[in-house]
Amino acid sequence: MRHANRELAGHILPTSATMVGVCMTVVSIIQLLHLGHFATLVDRFLALDSLLFLLSALLSYLSLRRRPAEALEAHADLAFMTGLTIMAACSVLLAFSLI
């Protein structure tokens, strides 16, 4: 079981780091397009979401470096899945604000 968790942490780390970049790119695009007040709320949620992905990356990195790592891996997984959920909700909100 420990090996499977270490594989999970190894996948969460690069993916979380990538998602930080994705969030920041979308925030920049929203700022450039001046989409209004509703989009400003979405970009604030995405900015906070990027911090959640950063936390996930940090926790997954620490879980690869420390033993026992199970608790850190579980928290990294939770932060990552929460970040994905928020990002999906922001995508839906942004899509409806553009209509």
PDB file of N, CA and C in Angstrom:
ATOM      1  N   MET A   1       0.817  -1.196   0.000  1.00  0.00           N
ATOM      2  CA  MET A   1       0.000   0.000   0.000  1.00  0.00           C
ATOM      3  C   MET A   1       0.859   1.258   0.000  1.00  0.00           C
ATOM      4  N   ARG A   2       1.956   1.215   0.669  1.00  0.00           N
ATOM      5  CA  ARG A   2       2.829   2.372   0.726  1.00  0.00           C
ATOM      6  C   ARG A   2       3.348   2.750  -0.655  1.00  0.00           C
ATOM      7  N   HIS A   3       3.669   1.747  -1.490  1.00  0.00           N
ATOM      8  CA  HIS A   3       4.167   2.010  -2.831  1.00  0.00           C
ATOM      9  C   HIS A   3       3.110   2.722  -3.680  1.00  0.00           C
ATOM     10  N   ALA A   4       1.859   2.297  -3.552  1.00  0.00           N
ATOM     11  CA  ALA A   4       0.774   2.930  -4.308  1.00  0.00           C
ATOM     12  C   ALA A   4       0.617   4.391  -3.907  1.00  0.00           C
ATOM     13  N   ASN A   5       0.738   4.697  -2.616  1.00  0.00           N
ATOM     14  CA  ASN A   5       0.628   6.077  -2.164  1.00  0.00           C
ATOM     15  C   ASN A   5       1.773   6.927  -2.692  1.00  0.00           C
ATOM     16  N   ARG A   6       2.969   6.380  -2.714  1.00  0.00           N
ATOM     17  CA  ARG A   6       4.101   7.133  -3.223  1.00  0.00           C
ATOM     18  C   ARG A   6       3.924   7.417  -4.710  1.00  0.00           C
ATOM     19  N   GLU A   7       3.291   6.509  -5.437  1.00  0.00           N
ATOM     20  CA  GLU A   7       2.987   6.780  -6.835  1.00  0.00           C
ATOM     21  C   GLU A   7       1.985   7.929  -6.934  1.00  0.00           C
ATOM     22  N   LEU A   8       1.013   7.951  -6.046  1.00  0.00           N
ATOM     23  CA  LEU A   8       0.018   9.022  -6.053  1.00  0.00           C
ATOM     24  C   LEU A   8       0.689  10.366  -5.795  1.00  0.00           C
ATOM     25  N   ALA A   9       1.536  10.440  -4.801  1.00  0.00           N
ATOM     26  CA  ALA A   9       2.235  11.689  -4.497  1.00  0.00           C
ATOM     27  C   ALA A   9       3.118  12.113  -5.663  1.00  0.00           C
ATOM     28  N   GLY A  10       3.706  11.141  -6.349  1.00  0.00           N
ATOM     29  CA  GLY A  10       4.533  11.439  -7.510  1.00  0.00           C
ATOM     30  C   GLY A  10       3.735  12.000  -8.673  1.00  0.00           C
ATOM     31  N   HIS A  11       2.457  11.683  -8.728  1.00  0.00           N
ATOM     32  CA  HIS A  11       1.586  12.241  -9.771  1.00  0.00           C
ATOM     33  C   HIS A  11       0.989  13.581  -9.361  1.00  0.00           C
ATOM     34  N   ILE A  12       0.693  13.720  -8.084  1.00  0.00           N
ATOM     35  CA  ILE A  12       0.092  14.968  -7.602  1.00  0.00           C
ATOM     36  C   ILE A  12       1.073  16.133  -7.722  1.00  0.00           C
ATOM     37  N   LEU A  13       2.339  15.905  -7.427  1.00  0.00           N
ATOM     38  CA  LEU A  13       3.317  16.995  -7.413  1.00  0.00           C
ATOM     39  C   LEU A  13       3.410  17.723  -8.755  1.00  0.00           C
ATOM     40  N   PRO A  14       3.712  17.049  -9.865  1.00  0.00           N
ATOM     41  CA  PRO A  14       3.819  17.819 -11.127  1.00  0.00           C
ATOM     42  C   PRO A  14       2.479  18.352 -11.625  1.00  0.00           C
ATOM     43  N   THR A  15       1.418  17.615 -11.370  1.00  0.00           N
ATOM     44  CA  THR A  15       0.108  18.059 -11.830  1.00  0.00           C
ATOM     45  C   THR A  15      -0.349  19.296 -11.068  1.00  0.00           C
ATOM     46  N   SER A  16      -0.115  19.320  -9.764  1.00  0.00           N
ATOM     47  CA  SER A  16      -0.476  20.501  -8.965  1.00  0.00           C
ATOM     48  C   SER A  16       0.308  21.725  -9.413  1.00  0.00           C
ATOM     49  N   ALA A  17       1.586  21.531  -9.673  1.00  0.00           N
ATOM     50  CA  ALA A  17       2.407  22.652 -10.130  1.00  0.00           C
ATOM     51  C   ALA A  17       1.898  23.183 -11.470  1.00  0.00           C
ATOM     52  N   THR A  18       1.495  22.287 -12.346  1.00  0.00           N
ATOM     53  CA  THR A  18       0.928  22.699 -13.634  1.00  0.00           C
ATOM     54  C   THR A  18      -0.379  23.452 -13.437  1.00  0.00           C
ATOM     55  N   MET A  19      -1.204  22.988 -12.508  1.00  0.00           N
ATOM     56  CA  MET A  19      -2.502  23.623 -12.277  1.00  0.00           C
ATOM     57  C   MET A  19      -2.343  25.031 -11.689  1.00  0.00           C
ATOM     58  N   VAL A  20      -1.277  25.267 -10.932  1.00  0.00           N
ATOM     59  CA  VAL A  20      -1.005  26.632 -10.459  1.00  0.00           C
ATOM     60  C   VAL A  20      -0.814  27.543 -11.668  1.00  0.00           C
ATOM     61  N   GLY A  21      -0.039  27.071 -12.637  1.00  0.00           N
ATOM     62  CA  GLY A  21       0.182  27.852 -13.851  1.00  0.00           C
ATOM     63  C   GLY A  21      -1.081  28.064 -14.658  1.00  0.00           C
ATOM     64  N   VAL A  22      -1.921  27.041 -14.734  1.00  0.00           N
ATOM     65  CA  VAL A  22      -3.189  27.153 -15.469  1.00  0.00           C
ATOM     66  C   VAL A  22      -4.084  28.200 -14.801  1.00  0.00           C
ATOM     67  N   CYS A  23      -4.196  28.135 -13.484  1.00  0.00           N
ATOM     68  CA  CYS A  23      -5.028  29.115 -12.762  1.00  0.00           C
ATOM     69  C   CYS A  23      -4.534  30.535 -13.001  1.00  0.00           C
ATOM     70  N   MET A  24      -3.235  30.731 -12.913  1.00  0.00           N
ATOM     71  CA  MET A  24      -2.696  32.072 -13.093  1.00  0.00           C
ATOM     72  C   MET A  24      -2.860  32.566 -14.524  1.00  0.00           C
ATOM     73  N   THR A  25      -2.777  31.658 -15.492  1.00  0.00           N
ATOM     74  CA  THR A  25      -2.994  32.038 -16.887  1.00  0.00           C
ATOM     75  C   THR A  25      -4.437  32.483 -17.113  1.00  0.00           C
ATOM     76  N   VAL A  26      -5.379  31.742 -16.569  1.00  0.00           N
ATOM     77  CA  VAL A  26      -6.789  32.104 -16.728  1.00  0.00           C
ATOM     78  C   VAL A  26      -7.085  33.422 -16.020  1.00  0.00           C
ATOM     79  N   VAL A  27      -6.520  33.629 -14.850  1.00  0.00           N
ATOM     80  CA  VAL A  27      -6.704  34.902 -14.142  1.00  0.00           C
ATOM     81  C   VAL A  27      -6.176  36.050 -15.004  1.00  0.00           C
ATOM     82  N   SER A  28      -5.019  35.872 -15.620  1.00  0.00           N
ATOM     83  CA  SER A  28      -4.450  36.921 -16.479  1.00  0.00           C
ATOM     84  C   SER A  28      -5.333  37.198 -17.682  1.00  0.00           C
ATOM     85  N   ILE A  29      -5.862  36.150 -18.298  1.00  0.00           N
ATOM     86  CA  ILE A  29      -6.743  36.329 -19.454  1.00  0.00           C
ATOM     87  C   ILE A  29      -8.017  37.069 -19.063  1.00  0.00           C
ATOM     88  N   ILE A  30      -8.585  36.694 -17.922  1.00  0.00           N
ATOM     89  CA  ILE A  30      -9.797  37.373 -17.449  1.00  0.00           C
ATOM     90  C   ILE A  30      -9.515  38.856 -17.216  1.00  0.00           C
ATOM     91  N   GLN A  31      -8.366  39.162 -16.648  1.00  0.00           N
ATOM     92  CA  GLN A  31      -8.011  40.564 -16.403  1.00  0.00           C
ATOM     93  C   GLN A  31      -7.849  41.333 -17.710  1.00  0.00           C
ATOM     94  N   LEU A  32      -7.278  40.686 -18.715  1.00  0.00           N
ATOM     95  CA  LEU A  32      -7.077  41.360 -20.000  1.00  0.00           C
ATOM     96  C   LEU A  32      -8.384  41.608 -20.744  1.00  0.00           C
ATOM     97  N   LEU A  33      -9.355  40.719 -20.573  1.00  0.00           N
ATOM     98  CA  LEU A  33     -10.611  40.831 -21.311  1.00  0.00           C
ATOM     99  C   LEU A  33     -11.620  41.775 -20.663  1.00  0.00           C
ATOM    100  N   HIS A  34     -11.388  42.162 -19.410  1.00  0.00           N
ATOM    101  CA  HIS A  34     -12.308  43.055 -18.695  1.00  0.00           C
ATOM    102  C   HIS A  34     -13.753  42.573 -18.819  1.00  0.00           C
ATOM    103  N   LEU A  35     -14.019  41.407 -18.265  1.00  0.00           N
ATOM    104  CA  LEU A  35     -15.325  40.766 -18.425  1.00  0.00           C
ATOM    105  C   LEU A  35     -16.375  41.218 -17.418  1.00  0.00           C
ATOM    106  N   GLY A  36     -16.051  42.093 -16.534  1.00  0.00           N
ATOM    107  CA  GLY A  36     -17.051  42.605 -15.605  1.00  0.00           C
ATOM    108  C   GLY A  36     -16.909  42.048 -14.203  1.00  0.00           C
ATOM    109  N   HIS A  37     -17.874  42.430 -13.369  1.00  0.00           N
ATOM    110  CA  HIS A  37     -17.825  42.099 -11.943  1.00  0.00           C
ATOM    111  C   HIS A  37     -17.905  40.599 -11.693  1.00  0.00           C
ATOM    112  N   PHE A  38     -18.752  39.906 -12.435  1.00  0.00           N
ATOM    113  CA  PHE A  38     -18.927  38.465 -12.238  1.00  0.00           C
ATOM    114  C   PHE A  38     -17.628  37.721 -12.517  1.00  0.00           C
ATOM    115  N   ALA A  39     -16.945  38.100 -13.582  1.00  0.00           N
ATOM    116  CA  ALA A  39     -15.664  37.470 -13.910  1.00  0.00           C
ATOM    117  C   ALA A  39     -14.607  37.807 -12.870  1.00  0.00           C
ATOM    118  N   THR A  40     -14.715  38.967 -12.249  1.00  0.00           N
ATOM    119  CA  THR A  40     -13.775  39.328 -11.192  1.00  0.00           C
ATOM    120  C   THR A  40     -13.901  38.377 -10.007  1.00  0.00           C
ATOM    121  N   LEU A  41     -15.126  37.967  -9.703  1.00  0.00           N
ATOM    122  CA  LEU A  41     -15.313  36.967  -8.644  1.00  0.00           C
ATOM    123  C   LEU A  41     -14.679  35.644  -9.034  1.00  0.00           C
ATOM    124  N   VAL A  42     -14.834  35.255 -10.285  1.00  0.00           N
ATOM    125  CA  VAL A  42     -14.252  34.001 -10.761  1.00  0.00           C
ATOM    126  C   VAL A  42     -12.733  34.062 -10.684  1.00  0.00           C
ATOM    127  N   ASP A  43     -12.145  35.178 -11.095  1.00  0.00           N
ATOM    128  CA  ASP A  43     -10.686  35.239 -11.052  1.00  0.00           C
ATOM    129  C   ASP A  43     -10.154  35.270  -9.614  1.00  0.00           C
ATOM    130  N   ARG A  44     -10.914  35.806  -8.693  1.00  0.00           N
ATOM    131  CA  ARG A  44     -10.493  35.741  -7.288  1.00  0.00           C
ATOM    132  C   ARG A  44     -10.538  34.310  -6.760  1.00  0.00           C
ATOM    133  N   PHE A  45     -11.591  33.573  -7.133  1.00  0.00           N
ATOM    134  CA  PHE A  45     -11.657  32.164  -6.734  1.00  0.00           C
ATOM    135  C   PHE A  45     -10.513  31.363  -7.353  1.00  0.00           C
ATOM    136  N   LEU A  46     -10.175  31.663  -8.599  1.00  0.00           N
ATOM    137  CA  LEU A  46      -9.074  30.958  -9.249  1.00  0.00           C
ATOM    138  C   LEU A  46      -7.729  31.317  -8.622  1.00  0.00           C
ATOM    139  N   ALA A  47      -7.570  32.545  -8.180  1.00  0.00           N
ATOM    140  CA  ALA A  47      -6.343  32.936  -7.497  1.00  0.00           C
ATOM    141  C   ALA A  47      -6.200  32.164  -6.178  1.00  0.00           C
ATOM    142  N   LEU A  48      -7.297  32.049  -5.447  1.00  0.00           N
ATOM    143  CA  LEU A  48      -7.269  31.243  -4.218  1.00  0.00           C
ATOM    144  C   LEU A  48      -7.070  29.768  -4.533  1.00  0.00           C
ATOM    145  N   ASP A  49      -7.632  29.328  -5.647  1.00  0.00           N
ATOM    146  CA  ASP A  49      -7.469  27.943  -6.084  1.00  0.00           C
ATOM    147  C   ASP A  49      -6.004  27.642  -6.395  1.00  0.00           C
ATOM    148  N   SER A  50      -5.302  28.607  -6.959  1.00  0.00           N
ATOM    149  CA  SER A  50      -3.881  28.384  -7.240  1.00  0.00           C
ATOM    150  C   SER A  50      -3.099  28.181  -5.947  1.00  0.00           C
ATOM    151  N   LEU A  51      -3.504  28.854  -4.879  1.00  0.00           N
ATOM    152  CA  LEU A  51      -2.854  28.626  -3.581  1.00  0.00           C
ATOM    153  C   LEU A  51      -3.161  27.228  -3.052  1.00  0.00           C
ATOM    154  N   LEU A  52      -4.348  26.742  -3.318  1.00  0.00           N
ATOM    155  CA  LEU A  52      -4.716  25.389  -2.916  1.00  0.00           C
ATOM    156  C   LEU A  52      -3.880  24.354  -3.678  1.00  0.00           C
ATOM    157  N   PHE A  53      -3.678  24.582  -4.969  1.00  0.00           N
ATOM    158  CA  PHE A  53      -2.817  23.684  -5.739  1.00  0.00           C
ATOM    159  C   PHE A  53      -1.367  23.774  -5.273  1.00  0.00           C
ATOM    160  N   LEU A  54      -0.928  24.967  -4.887  1.00  0.00           N
ATOM    161  CA  LEU A  54       0.417  25.113  -4.344  1.00  0.00           C
ATOM    162  C   LEU A  54       0.566  24.331  -3.045  1.00  0.00           C
ATOM    163  N   LEU A  55      -0.446  24.394  -2.180  1.00  0.00           N
ATOM    164  CA  LEU A  55      -0.442  23.614  -0.952  1.00  0.00           C
ATOM    165  C   LEU A  55      -0.382  22.125  -1.263  1.00  0.00           C
ATOM    166  N   SER A  56      -1.140  21.701  -2.239  1.00  0.00           N
ATOM    167  CA  SER A  56      -1.135  20.297  -2.643  1.00  0.00           C
ATOM    168  C   SER A  56       0.245  19.869  -3.128  1.00  0.00           C
ATOM    169  N   ALA A  57       0.883  20.706  -3.934  1.00  0.00           N
ATOM    170  CA  ALA A  57       2.227  20.392  -4.424  1.00  0.00           C
ATOM    171  C   ALA A  57       3.227  20.318  -3.269  1.00  0.00           C
ATOM    172  N   LEU A  58       3.125  21.252  -2.337  1.00  0.00           N
ATOM    173  CA  LEU A  58       4.027  21.255  -1.183  1.00  0.00           C
ATOM    174  C   LEU A  58       3.841  20.008  -0.332  1.00  0.00           C
ATOM    175  N   LEU A  59       2.605  19.646  -0.062  1.00  0.00           N
ATOM    176  CA  LEU A  59       2.336  18.461   0.751  1.00  0.00           C
ATOM    177  C   LEU A  59       2.784  17.183   0.049  1.00  0.00           C
ATOM    178  N   SER A  60       2.575  17.104  -1.251  1.00  0.00           N
ATOM    179  CA  SER A  60       3.012  15.903  -1.967  1.00  0.00           C
ATOM    180  C   SER A  60       4.538  15.819  -2.011  1.00  0.00           C
ATOM    181  N   TYR A  61       5.203  16.961  -2.148  1.00  0.00           N
ATOM    182  CA  TYR A  61       6.669  16.971  -2.105  1.00  0.00           C
ATOM    183  C   TYR A  61       7.167  16.502  -0.745  1.00  0.00           C
ATOM    184  N   LEU A  62       6.571  17.044   0.309  1.00  0.00           N
ATOM    185  CA  LEU A  62       6.992  16.632   1.650  1.00  0.00           C
ATOM    186  C   LEU A  62       6.712  15.154   1.902  1.00  0.00           C
ATOM    187  N   SER A  63       5.629  14.643   1.328  1.00  0.00           N
ATOM    188  CA  SER A  63       5.325  13.226   1.523  1.00  0.00           C
ATOM    189  C   SER A  63       6.336  12.330   0.820  1.00  0.00           C
ATOM    190  N   LEU A  64       6.947  12.821  -0.230  1.00  0.00           N
ATOM    191  CA  LEU A  64       7.992  12.052  -0.907  1.00  0.00           C
ATOM    192  C   LEU A  64       9.310  12.090  -0.146  1.00  0.00           C
ATOM    193  N   ARG A  65       9.496  13.105   0.669  1.00  0.00           N
ATOM    194  CA  ARG A  65      10.762  13.298   1.388  1.00  0.00           C
ATOM    195  C   ARG A  65      10.746  12.771   2.818  1.00  0.00           C
ATOM    196  N   ARG A  66       9.565  12.660   3.432  1.00  0.00           N
ATOM    197  CA  ARG A  66       9.477  12.286   4.846  1.00  0.00           C
ATOM    198  C   ARG A  66       8.821  10.934   5.020  1.00  0.00           C
ATOM    199  N   ARG A  67       9.120  10.335   6.163  1.00  0.00           N
ATOM    200  CA  ARG A  67       8.466   9.083   6.544  1.00  0.00           C
ATOM    201  C   ARG A  67       7.997   9.213   7.968  1.00  0.00           C
ATOM    202  N   PRO A  68       6.859   8.754   8.349  1.00  0.00           N
ATOM    203  CA  PRO A  68       5.797   8.197   7.500  1.00  0.00           C
ATOM    204  C   PRO A  68       5.109   9.301   6.707  1.00  0.00           C
ATOM    205  N   ALA A  69       4.671   8.937   5.531  1.00  0.00           N
ATOM    206  CA  ALA A  69       4.156   9.935   4.598  1.00  0.00           C
ATOM    207  C   ALA A  69       2.661   9.838   4.353  1.00  0.00           C
ATOM    208  N   GLU A  70       1.997   8.884   4.957  1.00  0.00           N
ATOM    209  CA  GLU A  70       0.586   8.639   4.637  1.00  0.00           C
ATOM    210  C   GLU A  70      -0.309   9.847   4.907  1.00  0.00           C
ATOM    211  N   ALA A  71      -0.122  10.501   6.041  1.00  0.00           N
ATOM    212  CA  ALA A  71      -0.971  11.653   6.380  1.00  0.00           C
ATOM    213  C   ALA A  71      -0.740  12.809   5.414  1.00  0.00           C
ATOM    214  N   LEU A  72       0.519  13.059   5.066  1.00  0.00           N
ATOM    215  CA  LEU A  72       0.819  14.138   4.119  1.00  0.00           C
ATOM    216  C   LEU A  72       0.229  13.844   2.746  1.00  0.00           C
ATOM    217  N   GLU A  73       0.326  12.585   2.331  1.00  0.00           N
ATOM    218  CA  GLU A  73      -0.238  12.198   1.040  1.00  0.00           C
ATOM    219  C   GLU A  73      -1.759  12.361   1.024  1.00  0.00           C
ATOM    220  N   ALA A  74      -2.386  11.997   2.109  1.00  0.00           N
ATOM    221  CA  ALA A  74      -3.847  12.126   2.196  1.00  0.00           C
ATOM    222  C   ALA A  74      -4.260  13.591   2.129  1.00  0.00           C
ATOM    223  N   HIS A  75      -3.526  14.461   2.808  1.00  0.00           N
ATOM    224  CA  HIS A  75      -3.842  15.895   2.773  1.00  0.00           C
ATOM    225  C   HIS A  75      -3.559  16.485   1.388  1.00  0.00           C
ATOM    226  N   ALA A  76      -2.477  16.033   0.744  1.00  0.00           N
ATOM    227  CA  ALA A  76      -2.170  16.500  -0.606  1.00  0.00           C
ATOM    228  C   ALA A  76      -3.280  16.094  -1.572  1.00  0.00           C
ATOM    229  N   ASP A  77      -3.761  14.867  -1.423  1.00  0.00           N
ATOM    230  CA  ASP A  77      -4.835  14.375  -2.279  1.00  0.00           C
ATOM    231  C   ASP A  77      -6.115  15.181  -2.056  1.00  0.00           C
ATOM    232  N   LEU A  78      -6.446  15.445  -0.812  1.00  0.00           N
ATOM    233  CA  LEU A  78      -7.643  16.226  -0.494  1.00  0.00           C
ATOM    234  C   LEU A  78      -7.548  17.647  -1.055  1.00  0.00           C
ATOM    235  N   ALA A  79      -6.395  18.283  -0.876  1.00  0.00           N
ATOM    236  CA  ALA A  79      -6.209  19.641  -1.399  1.00  0.00           C
ATOM    237  C   ALA A  79      -6.304  19.649  -2.921  1.00  0.00           C
ATOM    238  N   PHE A  80      -5.723  18.643  -3.564  1.00  0.00           N
ATOM    239  CA  PHE A  80      -5.760  18.564  -5.016  1.00  0.00           C
ATOM    240  C   PHE A  80      -7.185  18.380  -5.530  1.00  0.00           C
ATOM    241  N   MET A  81      -7.921  17.467  -4.935  1.00  0.00           N
ATOM    242  CA  MET A  81      -9.291  17.217  -5.386  1.00  0.00           C
ATOM    243  C   MET A  81     -10.202  18.418  -5.113  1.00  0.00           C
ATOM    244  N   THR A  82      -9.979  19.105  -3.998  1.00  0.00           N
ATOM    245  CA  THR A  82     -10.741  20.324  -3.711  1.00  0.00           C
ATOM    246  C   THR A  82     -10.427  21.397  -4.750  1.00  0.00           C
ATOM    247  N   GLY A  83      -9.163  21.529  -5.092  1.00  0.00           N
ATOM    248  CA  GLY A  83      -8.762  22.487  -6.116  1.00  0.00           C
ATOM    249  C   GLY A  83      -9.384  22.188  -7.465  1.00  0.00           C
ATOM    250  N   LEU A  84      -9.418  20.913  -7.838  1.00  0.00           N
ATOM    251  CA  LEU A  84     -10.049  20.539  -9.106  1.00  0.00           C
ATOM    252  C   LEU A  84     -11.541  20.859  -9.105  1.00  0.00           C
ATOM    253  N   THR A  85     -12.191  20.617  -7.981  1.00  0.00           N
ATOM    254  CA  THR A  85     -13.620  20.905  -7.879  1.00  0.00           C
ATOM    255  C   THR A  85     -13.887  22.397  -8.022  1.00  0.00           C
ATOM    256  N   ILE A  86     -13.098  23.214  -7.355  1.00  0.00           N
ATOM    257  CA  ILE A  86     -13.262  24.669  -7.453  1.00  0.00           C
ATOM    258  C   ILE A  86     -12.984  25.134  -8.878  1.00  0.00           C
ATOM    259  N   MET A  87     -11.958  24.568  -9.509  1.00  0.00           N
ATOM    260  CA  MET A  87     -11.630  24.960 -10.872  1.00  0.00           C
ATOM    261  C   MET A  87     -12.761  24.601 -11.832  1.00  0.00           C
ATOM    262  N   ALA A  88     -13.359  23.442 -11.654  1.00  0.00           N
ATOM    263  CA  ALA A  88     -14.481  23.053 -12.515  1.00  0.00           C
ATOM    264  C   ALA A  88     -15.668  23.991 -12.314  1.00  0.00           C
ATOM    265  N   ALA A  89     -15.951  24.343 -11.078  1.00  0.00           N
ATOM    266  CA  ALA A  89     -17.054  25.275 -10.799  1.00  0.00           C
ATOM    267  C   ALA A  89     -16.771  26.643 -11.424  1.00  0.00           C
ATOM    268  N   CYS A  90     -15.538  27.101 -11.331  1.00  0.00           N
ATOM    269  CA  CYS A  90     -15.181  28.392 -11.937  1.00  0.00           C
ATOM    270  C   CYS A  90     -15.300  28.336 -13.455  1.00  0.00           C
ATOM    271  N   SER A  91     -14.972  27.199 -14.045  1.00  0.00           N
ATOM    272  CA  SER A  91     -15.107  27.055 -15.498  1.00  0.00           C
ATOM    273  C   SER A  91     -16.559  27.188 -15.933  1.00  0.00           C
ATOM    274  N   VAL A  92     -17.447  26.563 -15.187  1.00  0.00           N
ATOM    275  CA  VAL A  92     -18.872  26.655 -15.511  1.00  0.00           C
ATOM    276  C   VAL A  92     -19.360  28.095 -15.324  1.00  0.00           C
ATOM    277  N   LEU A  93     -18.977  28.719 -14.223  1.00  0.00           N
ATOM    278  CA  LEU A  93     -19.392  30.102 -13.978  1.00  0.00           C
ATOM    279  C   LEU A  93     -18.867  31.045 -15.049  1.00  0.00           C
ATOM    280  N   LEU A  94     -17.629  30.850 -15.442  1.00  0.00           N
ATOM    281  CA  LEU A  94     -17.023  31.714 -16.470  1.00  0.00           C
ATOM    282  C   LEU A  94     -17.698  31.500 -17.812  1.00  0.00           C
ATOM    283  N   ALA A  95     -18.034  30.269 -18.125  1.00  0.00           N
ATOM    284  CA  ALA A  95     -18.707  29.980 -19.396  1.00  0.00           C
ATOM    285  C   ALA A  95     -20.059  30.672 -19.451  1.00  0.00           C
ATOM    286  N   PHE A  96     -20.791  30.662 -18.351  1.00  0.00           N
ATOM    287  CA  PHE A  96     -22.102  31.309 -18.337  1.00  0.00           C
ATOM    288  C   PHE A  96     -21.989  32.830 -18.303  1.00  0.00           C
ATOM    289  N   SER A  97     -20.898  33.367 -17.802  1.00  0.00           N
ATOM    290  CA  SER A  97     -20.734  34.825 -17.794  1.00  0.00           C
ATOM    291  C   SER A  97     -20.405  35.352 -19.183  1.00  0.00           C
ATOM    292  N   LEU A  98     -19.883  34.485 -20.052  1.00  0.00           N
ATOM    293  CA  LEU A  98     -19.527  34.911 -21.414  1.00  0.00           C
ATOM    294  C   LEU A  98     -20.703  34.881 -22.361  1.00  0.00           C
ATOM    295  N   ILE A  99     -21.793  34.235 -21.958  1.00  0.00           N
ATOM    296  CA  ILE A  99     -22.967  34.125 -22.836  1.00  0.00           C
ATOM    297  C   ILE A  99     -23.722  35.441 -22.890  1.00  0.00           C
TER     298      ILE A  99
END
